[in-house]
C-alpha atoms as a PDB file:
ATOM      1  CA  SER A   1     -83.117 -49.056 -64.877  1.00  0.00           C
ATOM      2  CA  VAL A   2     -83.583 -52.515 -63.418  1.00  0.00           C
ATOM      3  CA  ASN A   3     -80.438 -52.419 -61.293  1.00  0.00           C
ATOM      4  CA  ALA A   4     -81.168 -48.886 -60.048  1.00  0.00           C
ATOM      5  CA  LYS A   5     -84.601 -49.949 -58.814  1.00  0.00           C
ATOM      6  CA  ALA A   6     -83.199 -53.109 -57.239  1.00  0.00           C
ATOM      7  CA  GLU A   7     -80.452 -51.091 -55.568  1.00  0.00           C
ATOM      8  CA  ALA A   8     -82.920 -48.576 -54.129  1.00  0.00           C
ATOM      9  CA  PHE A   9     -85.121 -51.341 -52.711  1.00  0.00           C
ATOM     10  CA  TYR A  10     -82.095 -53.224 -51.378  1.00  0.00           C
ATOM     11  CA  THR A  11     -80.645 -50.158 -49.615  1.00  0.00           C
ATOM     12  CA  THR A  12     -83.960 -49.316 -47.940  1.00  0.00           C
ATOM     13  CA  ALA A  13     -84.992 -52.843 -47.021  1.00  0.00           C
ATOM     14  CA  MET A  14     -81.689 -54.205 -45.699  1.00  0.00           C
ATOM     15  CA  ASN A  15     -81.589 -51.409 -43.112  1.00  0.00           C
ATOM     16  CA  GLN A  16     -85.063 -52.207 -41.792  1.00  0.00           C
ATOM     17  CA  ILE A  17     -85.849 -55.912 -42.097  1.00  0.00           C
ATOM     18  CA  ASN A  18     -85.231 -58.596 -39.481  1.00  0.00           C
ATOM     19  CA  SER A  19     -81.536 -59.326 -38.958  1.00  0.00           C
ATOM     20  CA  LYS A  20     -82.117 -63.082 -39.370  1.00  0.00           C
ATOM     21  CA  HIS A  21     -83.395 -62.425 -42.899  1.00  0.00           C
ATOM     22  CA  VAL A  22     -80.347 -60.261 -43.636  1.00  0.00           C
ATOM     23  CA  ALA A  23     -78.034 -63.043 -42.452  1.00  0.00           C
ATOM     24  CA  TRP A  24     -79.887 -65.634 -44.550  1.00  0.00           C
ATOM     25  CA  ILE A  25     -79.746 -63.413 -47.654  1.00  0.00           C
ATOM     26  CA  LYS A  26     -75.992 -62.818 -47.360  1.00  0.00           C
ATOM     27  CA  GLN A  27     -75.202 -66.472 -46.686  1.00  0.00           C
ATOM     28  CA  ASN A  28     -77.315 -67.875 -49.508  1.00  0.00           C
ATOM     29  CA  ALA A  29     -76.303 -65.231 -52.044  1.00  0.00           C
ATOM     30  CA  LYS A  30     -72.770 -66.601 -51.727  1.00  0.00           C
ATOM     31  CA  LYS A  31     -74.091 -70.084 -52.502  1.00  0.00           C
ATOM     32  CA  ILE A  32     -76.080 -68.839 -55.512  1.00  0.00           C
ATOM     33  CA  TYR A  33     -73.004 -67.057 -56.839  1.00  0.00           C
ATOM     34  CA  ALA A  34     -70.616 -69.951 -56.240  1.00  0.00           C
ATOM     35  CA  ASP A  35     -72.977 -72.501 -57.832  1.00  0.00           C
ATOM     36  CA  ASN A  36     -74.123 -70.147 -60.622  1.00  0.00           C
ATOM     37  CA  MET A  37     -77.656 -71.160 -59.632  1.00  0.00           C
ATOM     38  CA  ASP A  38     -80.435 -70.851 -62.201  1.00  0.00           C
ATOM     39  CA  ASP A  39     -83.734 -68.974 -61.896  1.00  0.00           C
ATOM     40  CA  LEU A  40     -85.834 -71.899 -60.701  1.00  0.00           C
ATOM     41  CA  SER A  41     -83.314 -73.151 -58.125  1.00  0.00           C
ATOM     42  CA  PHE A  42     -82.891 -69.822 -56.368  1.00  0.00           C
ATOM     43  CA  LYS A  43     -86.670 -69.224 -56.318  1.00  0.00           C
ATOM     44  CA  VAL A  44     -87.296 -72.624 -54.743  1.00  0.00           C
ATOM     45  CA  MET A  45     -84.660 -71.831 -52.117  1.00  0.00           C
ATOM     46  CA  ALA A  46     -86.238 -68.459 -51.274  1.00  0.00           C
ATOM     47  CA  ARG A  47     -89.792 -69.843 -51.257  1.00  0.00           C
ATOM     48  CA  HIS A  48     -88.862 -72.703 -48.940  1.00  0.00           C
ATOM     49  CA  TYR A  49     -87.273 -70.296 -46.467  1.00  0.00           C
ATOM     50  CA  GLY A  50     -90.088 -67.760 -46.788  1.00  0.00           C
ATOM     51  CA  LYS A  51     -92.802 -70.312 -46.075  1.00  0.00           C
ATOM     52  CA  ASN A  52     -90.939 -71.612 -43.040  1.00  0.00           C
ATOM     53  CA  VAL A  53     -90.690 -68.139 -41.485  1.00  0.00           C
ATOM     54  CA  GLY A  54     -94.259 -67.145 -42.365  1.00  0.00           C
ATOM     55  CA  LEU A  55     -93.718 -64.625 -45.161  1.00  0.00           C
ATOM     56  CA  SER A  56     -96.523 -63.595 -47.516  1.00  0.00           C
ATOM     57  CA  GLU A  57     -96.270 -64.036 -51.285  1.00  0.00           C
ATOM     58  CA  GLU A  58     -95.193 -60.417 -51.580  1.00  0.00           C
ATOM     59  CA  GLY A  59     -92.639 -60.929 -48.817  1.00  0.00           C
ATOM     60  CA  ILE A  60     -91.176 -63.930 -50.643  1.00  0.00           C
ATOM     61  CA  GLU A  61     -90.903 -61.929 -53.854  1.00  0.00           C
ATOM     62  CA  GLY A  62     -89.184 -59.150 -51.958  1.00  0.00           C
ATOM     63  CA  LEU A  63     -86.830 -61.702 -50.427  1.00  0.00           C
ATOM     64  CA  GLN A  64     -85.989 -62.996 -53.896  1.00  0.00           C
ATOM     65  CA  VAL A  65     -85.126 -59.516 -55.152  1.00  0.00           C
ATOM     66  CA  LEU A  66     -82.904 -58.881 -52.122  1.00  0.00           C
ATOM     67  CA  LEU A  67     -81.227 -62.242 -52.657  1.00  0.00           C
ATOM     68  CA  LEU A  68     -80.537 -61.513 -56.302  1.00  0.00           C
ATOM     69  CA  ARG A  69     -79.269 -58.014 -55.540  1.00  0.00           C
ATOM     70  CA  GLU A  70     -76.863 -59.394 -52.925  1.00  0.00           C
ATOM     71  CA  THR A  71     -75.629 -61.946 -55.464  1.00  0.00           C
ATOM     72  CA  TYR A  72     -75.151 -59.152 -57.998  1.00  0.00           C
ATOM     73  CA  LEU A  73     -73.057 -57.190 -55.478  1.00  0.00           C
ATOM     74  CA  ILE A  74     -70.810 -60.208 -54.869  1.00  0.00           C
ATOM     75  CA  GLY A  75     -70.111 -60.409 -58.601  1.00  0.00           C
ATOM     76  CA  LYS A  76     -69.566 -56.662 -58.840  1.00  0.00           C
ATOM     77  CA  LYS A  77     -67.011 -56.790 -56.042  1.00  0.00           C
ATOM     78  CA  GLU A  78     -65.072 -59.636 -57.655  1.00  0.00           C
ATOM     79  CA  TYR A  79     -65.131 -57.914 -61.044  1.00  0.00           C
ATOM     80  CA  ASN A  80     -63.807 -54.637 -59.598  1.00  0.00           C
ATOM     81  CA  ASN A  81     -61.056 -56.490 -57.739  1.00  0.00           C
ATOM     82  CA  LEU A  82     -59.931 -58.096 -60.990  1.00  0.00           C
ATOM     83  CA  LEU A  83     -60.245 -54.830 -62.896  1.00  0.00           C
ATOM     84  CA  ASN A  84     -58.147 -52.895 -60.393  1.00  0.00           C
ATOM     85  CA  LYS A  85     -55.618 -55.663 -59.957  1.00  0.00           C
ATOM     86  CA  THR A  86     -52.095 -54.613 -60.893  1.00  0.00           C
ATOM     87  CA  SER A  87     -49.002 -56.793 -61.215  1.00  0.00           C
ATOM     88  CA  PRO A  88     -46.107 -54.963 -59.499  1.00  0.00           C
ATOM     89  CA  ASP A  89     -45.064 -58.205 -57.834  1.00  0.00           C
ATOM     90  CA  ASP A  90     -44.963 -59.997 -61.183  1.00  0.00           C
ATOM     91  CA  THR A  91     -42.862 -57.182 -62.646  1.00  0.00           C
ATOM     92  CA  LYS A  92     -40.505 -57.270 -59.674  1.00  0.00           C
ATOM     93  CA  LYS A  93     -40.271 -61.064 -59.954  1.00  0.00           C
ATOM     94  CA  THR A  94     -39.270 -60.827 -63.600  1.00  0.00           C
ATOM     95  CA  THR A  95     -36.678 -58.139 -62.833  1.00  0.00           C
ATOM     96  CA  ASP A  96     -35.214 -60.206 -60.000  1.00  0.00           C
ATOM     97  CA  GLN A  97     -34.992 -63.245 -62.241  1.00  0.00           C
ATOM     98  CA  GLU A  98     -33.193 -61.264 -64.906  1.00  0.00           C
ATOM     99  CA  SER A  99     -30.709 -59.987 -62.341  1.00  0.00           C
ATOM    100  CA  ALA A 100     -30.179 -63.461 -60.941  1.00  0.00           C
ATOM    101  CA  GLY A 101     -29.434 -64.776 -64.396  1.00  0.00           C
ATOM    102  CA  ASN A 102     -26.714 -62.193 -65.014  1.00  0.00           C
ATOM    103  CA  LEU A 103     -24.925 -62.713 -61.700  1.00  0.00           C
ATOM    104  CA  PRO A 104     -22.540 -65.526 -60.764  1.00  0.00           C
ATOM    105  CA  ASP A 105     -23.866 -68.264 -58.536  1.00  0.00           C
ATOM    106  CA  SER A 106     -23.012 -67.267 -54.953  1.00  0.00           C
ATOM    107  CA  SER A 107     -22.608 -70.909 -53.897  1.00  0.00           C
ATOM    108  CA  GLU A 108     -19.923 -71.389 -56.530  1.00  0.00           C
ATOM    109  CA  LEU A 109     -18.058 -68.346 -55.225  1.00  0.00           C
ATOM    110  CA  LYS A 110     -18.148 -69.663 -51.654  1.00  0.00           C
ATOM    111  CA  ILE A 111     -16.801 -73.061 -52.730  1.00  0.00           C
ATOM    112  CA  ALA A 112     -13.950 -71.398 -54.550  1.00  0.00           C
ATOM    113  CA  GLU A 113     -13.090 -69.275 -51.516  1.00  0.00           C
ATOM    114  CA  GLN A 114     -13.136 -72.246 -49.133  1.00  0.00           C
ATOM    115  CA  THR A 115     -10.690 -74.442 -51.051  1.00  0.00           C
ATOM    116  CA  ASP A 116      -7.296 -74.875 -49.370  1.00  0.00           C
ATOM    117  CA  SER A 117      -4.080 -73.572 -50.845  1.00  0.00           C
ATOM    118  CA  LYS A 118      -2.968 -76.946 -52.183  1.00  0.00           C
ATOM    119  CA  SER A 119      -6.226 -77.497 -54.015  1.00  0.00           C
ATOM    120  CA  THR A 120      -6.045 -73.968 -55.392  1.00  0.00           C
ATOM    121  CA  ALA A 121      -2.521 -74.456 -56.637  1.00  0.00           C
ATOM    122  CA  LYS A 122      -3.529 -77.733 -58.275  1.00  0.00           C
ATOM    123  CA  LYS A 123      -6.435 -76.097 -60.038  1.00  0.00           C
ATOM    124  CA  MET A 124      -4.210 -73.283 -61.258  1.00  0.00           C
ATOM    125  CA  VAL A 125      -1.832 -75.810 -62.832  1.00  0.00           C
ATOM    126  CA  GLU A 126      -4.737 -77.718 -64.435  1.00  0.00           C
ATOM    127  CA  LYS A 127      -6.207 -74.492 -65.745  1.00  0.00           C
ATOM    128  CA  THR A 128      -2.916 -73.587 -67.377  1.00  0.00           C
ATOM    129  CA  ASP A 129      -2.923 -76.898 -69.269  1.00  0.00           C
ATOM    130  CA  VAL A 130      -6.413 -76.359 -70.696  1.00  0.00           C
ATOM    131  CA  PRO A 131      -6.542 -74.428 -73.982  1.00  0.00           C
ATOM    132  CA  GLU A 132      -8.421 -71.161 -73.769  1.00  0.00           C
ATOM    133  CA  SER A 133     -11.057 -72.198 -76.332  1.00  0.00           C
ATOM    134  CA  LYS A 134     -11.779 -75.463 -74.506  1.00  0.00           C
ATOM    135  CA  SER A 135     -11.908 -73.682 -71.156  1.00  0.00           C
ATOM    136  CA  LYS A 136     -14.398 -71.178 -72.541  1.00  0.00           C
ATOM    137  CA  LYS A 137     -16.533 -73.991 -73.958  1.00  0.00           C
ATOM    138  CA  ILE A 138     -16.568 -75.821 -70.618  1.00  0.00           C
ATOM    139  CA  THR A 139     -17.610 -72.636 -68.847  1.00  0.00           C
ATOM    140  CA  GLU A 140     -20.405 -71.982 -71.322  1.00  0.00           C
ATOM    141  CA  ASN A 141     -21.684 -75.549 -71.020  1.00  0.00           C
ATOM    142  CA  ALA A 142     -21.659 -75.365 -67.227  1.00  0.00           C
ATOM    143  CA  THR A 143     -23.543 -72.103 -67.296  1.00  0.00           C
ATOM    144  CA  ALA A 144     -26.244 -73.171 -69.727  1.00  0.00           C
ATOM    145  CA  PRO A 145     -26.287 -76.769 -71.051  1.00  0.00           C
ATOM    146  CA  SER A 146     -29.031 -75.827 -73.487  1.00  0.00           C
ATOM    147  CA  GLY A 147     -26.862 -73.158 -75.073  1.00  0.00           C
ATOM    148  CA  MET A 148     -28.829 -70.352 -73.423  1.00  0.00           C
ATOM    149  CA  THR A 149     -27.960 -68.235 -70.434  1.00  0.00           C
ATOM    150  CA  LEU A 150     -30.220 -68.113 -67.399  1.00  0.00           C
ATOM    151  CA  SER A 151     -31.031 -64.479 -68.154  1.00  0.00           C
ATOM    152  CA  GLN A 152     -32.503 -65.636 -71.466  1.00  0.00           C
ATOM    153  CA  VAL A 153     -34.517 -68.551 -70.093  1.00  0.00           C
ATOM    154  CA  LYS A 154     -36.062 -67.295 -66.865  1.00  0.00           C
ATOM    155  CA  PRO A 155     -37.619 -64.039 -68.088  1.00  0.00           C
ATOM    156  CA  GLU A 156     -39.250 -65.926 -70.964  1.00  0.00           C
ATOM    157  CA  ASP A 157     -40.780 -68.462 -68.584  1.00  0.00           C
ATOM    158  CA  SER A 158     -41.917 -65.698 -66.257  1.00  0.00           C
ATOM    159  CA  ASN A 159     -43.490 -63.668 -69.060  1.00  0.00           C
ATOM    160  CA  SER A 160     -45.344 -66.764 -70.243  1.00  0.00           C
ATOM    161  CA  GLU A 161     -46.780 -67.277 -66.763  1.00  0.00           C
ATOM    162  CA  ILE A 162     -47.863 -63.622 -66.609  1.00  0.00           C
ATOM    163  CA  HIS A 163     -49.623 -63.888 -69.971  1.00  0.00           C
ATOM    164  CA  ILE A 164     -51.435 -67.036 -68.862  1.00  0.00           C
ATOM    165  CA  ALA A 165     -52.542 -65.328 -65.646  1.00  0.00           C
ATOM    166  CA  LYS A 166     -53.811 -62.310 -67.581  1.00  0.00           C
ATOM    167  CA  ASP A 167     -55.733 -64.536 -69.995  1.00  0.00           C
ATOM    168  CA  GLU A 168     -57.355 -66.359 -67.089  1.00  0.00           C
ATOM    169  CA  GLN A 169     -58.227 -63.023 -65.484  1.00  0.00           C
ATOM    170  CA  THR A 170     -59.847 -61.792 -68.716  1.00  0.00           C
ATOM    171  CA  LEU A 171     -61.894 -64.974 -69.072  1.00  0.00           C
ATOM    172  CA  ARG A 172     -63.050 -64.711 -65.464  1.00  0.00           C
ATOM    173  CA  MET A 173     -64.163 -61.109 -65.998  1.00  0.00           C
ATOM    174  CA  GLN A 174     -66.134 -62.149 -69.076  1.00  0.00           C
ATOM    175  CA  GLU A 175     -67.792 -64.928 -67.085  1.00  0.00           C
ATOM    176  CA  ILE A 176     -68.757 -62.490 -64.318  1.00  0.00           C
ATOM    177  CA  THR A 177     -70.228 -60.080 -66.883  1.00  0.00           C
ATOM    178  CA  GLN A 178     -72.405 -62.872 -68.285  1.00  0.00           C
ATOM    179  CA  ARG A 179     -73.594 -63.772 -64.782  1.00  0.00           C
ATOM    180  CA  GLN A 180     -74.449 -60.145 -64.023  1.00  0.00           C
ATOM    181  CA  GLN A 181     -76.522 -59.944 -67.193  1.00  0.00           C
ATOM    182  CA  LYS A 182     -78.324 -63.126 -66.184  1.00  0.00           C
ATOM    183  CA  ILE A 183     -79.129 -61.698 -62.732  1.00  0.00           C
ATOM    184  CA  THR A 184     -80.355 -58.452 -64.283  1.00  0.00           C
ATOM    185  CA  GLN A 185     -82.719 -60.409 -66.533  1.00  0.00           C
ATOM    186  CA  MET A 186     -84.141 -62.242 -63.518  1.00  0.00           C
ATOM    187  CA  LEU A 187     -84.554 -58.988 -61.604  1.00  0.00           C
ATOM    188  CA  SER A 188     -86.340 -57.353 -64.508  1.00  0.00           C
ATOM    189  CA  LYS A 189     -89.184 -59.862 -64.175  1.00  0.00           C
ATOM    190  CA  MET A 190     -89.987 -58.979 -60.557  1.00  0.00           C
ATOM    191  CA  VAL A 191     -88.437 -55.673 -59.482  1.00  0.00           C
ATOM    192  CA  ASN A 192     -91.343 -53.451 -60.633  1.00  0.00           C
ATOM    193  CA  GLN A 193     -93.906 -55.445 -58.688  1.00  0.00           C
ATOM    194  CA  VAL A 194     -91.733 -55.391 -55.584  1.00  0.00           C
ATOM    195  CA  THR A 195     -91.065 -51.661 -55.877  1.00  0.00           C
ATOM    196  CA  GLU A 196     -94.776 -50.919 -56.089  1.00  0.00           C
ATOM    197  CA  HIS A 197     -95.427 -52.811 -52.843  1.00  0.00           C
ATOM    198  CA  GLN A 198     -92.164 -51.915 -51.154  1.00  0.00           C
ATOM    199  CA  LYS A 199     -93.690 -50.593 -47.939  1.00  0.00           C
ATOM    200  CA  SER A 200     -95.855 -53.638 -47.197  1.00  0.00           C
ATOM    201  CA  ILE A 201     -93.043 -56.018 -48.196  1.00  0.00           C
ATOM    202  CA  ILE A 202     -90.595 -54.414 -45.805  1.00  0.00           C
ATOM    203  CA  GLU A 203     -93.201 -54.585 -43.028  1.00  0.00           C
ATOM    204  CA  ASN A 204     -93.629 -58.301 -43.715  1.00  0.00           C
ATOM    205  CA  LEU A 205     -89.845 -58.834 -43.562  1.00  0.00           C
ATOM    206  CA  LYS A 206     -89.368 -57.018 -40.260  1.00  0.00           C
END
């Protein structure tokens, strides 16, 4: 296949060619990937560099294949990272939020504990004068003005954020797949020629 041939050439060449070419390939592959550079743009980049360092036409073509293969590997790495990405932290966050919603506010407990005896006695008298139904209503309103408890609101918000993140991750993976197909198409136009002259190309790149 196209990628198998490109991989074989890449593995052999990158271990033998001049280190300055290796550094240039790795640096510029990142730029090609980040900018989603088209066929013409990346070829102009490689040809300009190749001419400046005295490469032959075959050497420039070999450089282009190595550049594309390095770009392909960058995409493959990102795709695998997204594919293998799990969300234990998101799950833990949701669980913690649910727990927080079902527990009393610790700051409220501290305030209650720090009140002096006179204030406490006054509150006890006032509480006695408030009908139970009204007291319950006040408590409910203080807990959740919208009529919902925190345990109902926070998990919903958290789950929504998780779904959005997963959708964005899926879209990114689809975009990477399209880029990889584009790179493979570009490689298919030159990899056979480069493979046939692999030995002389590597010599030119040393």
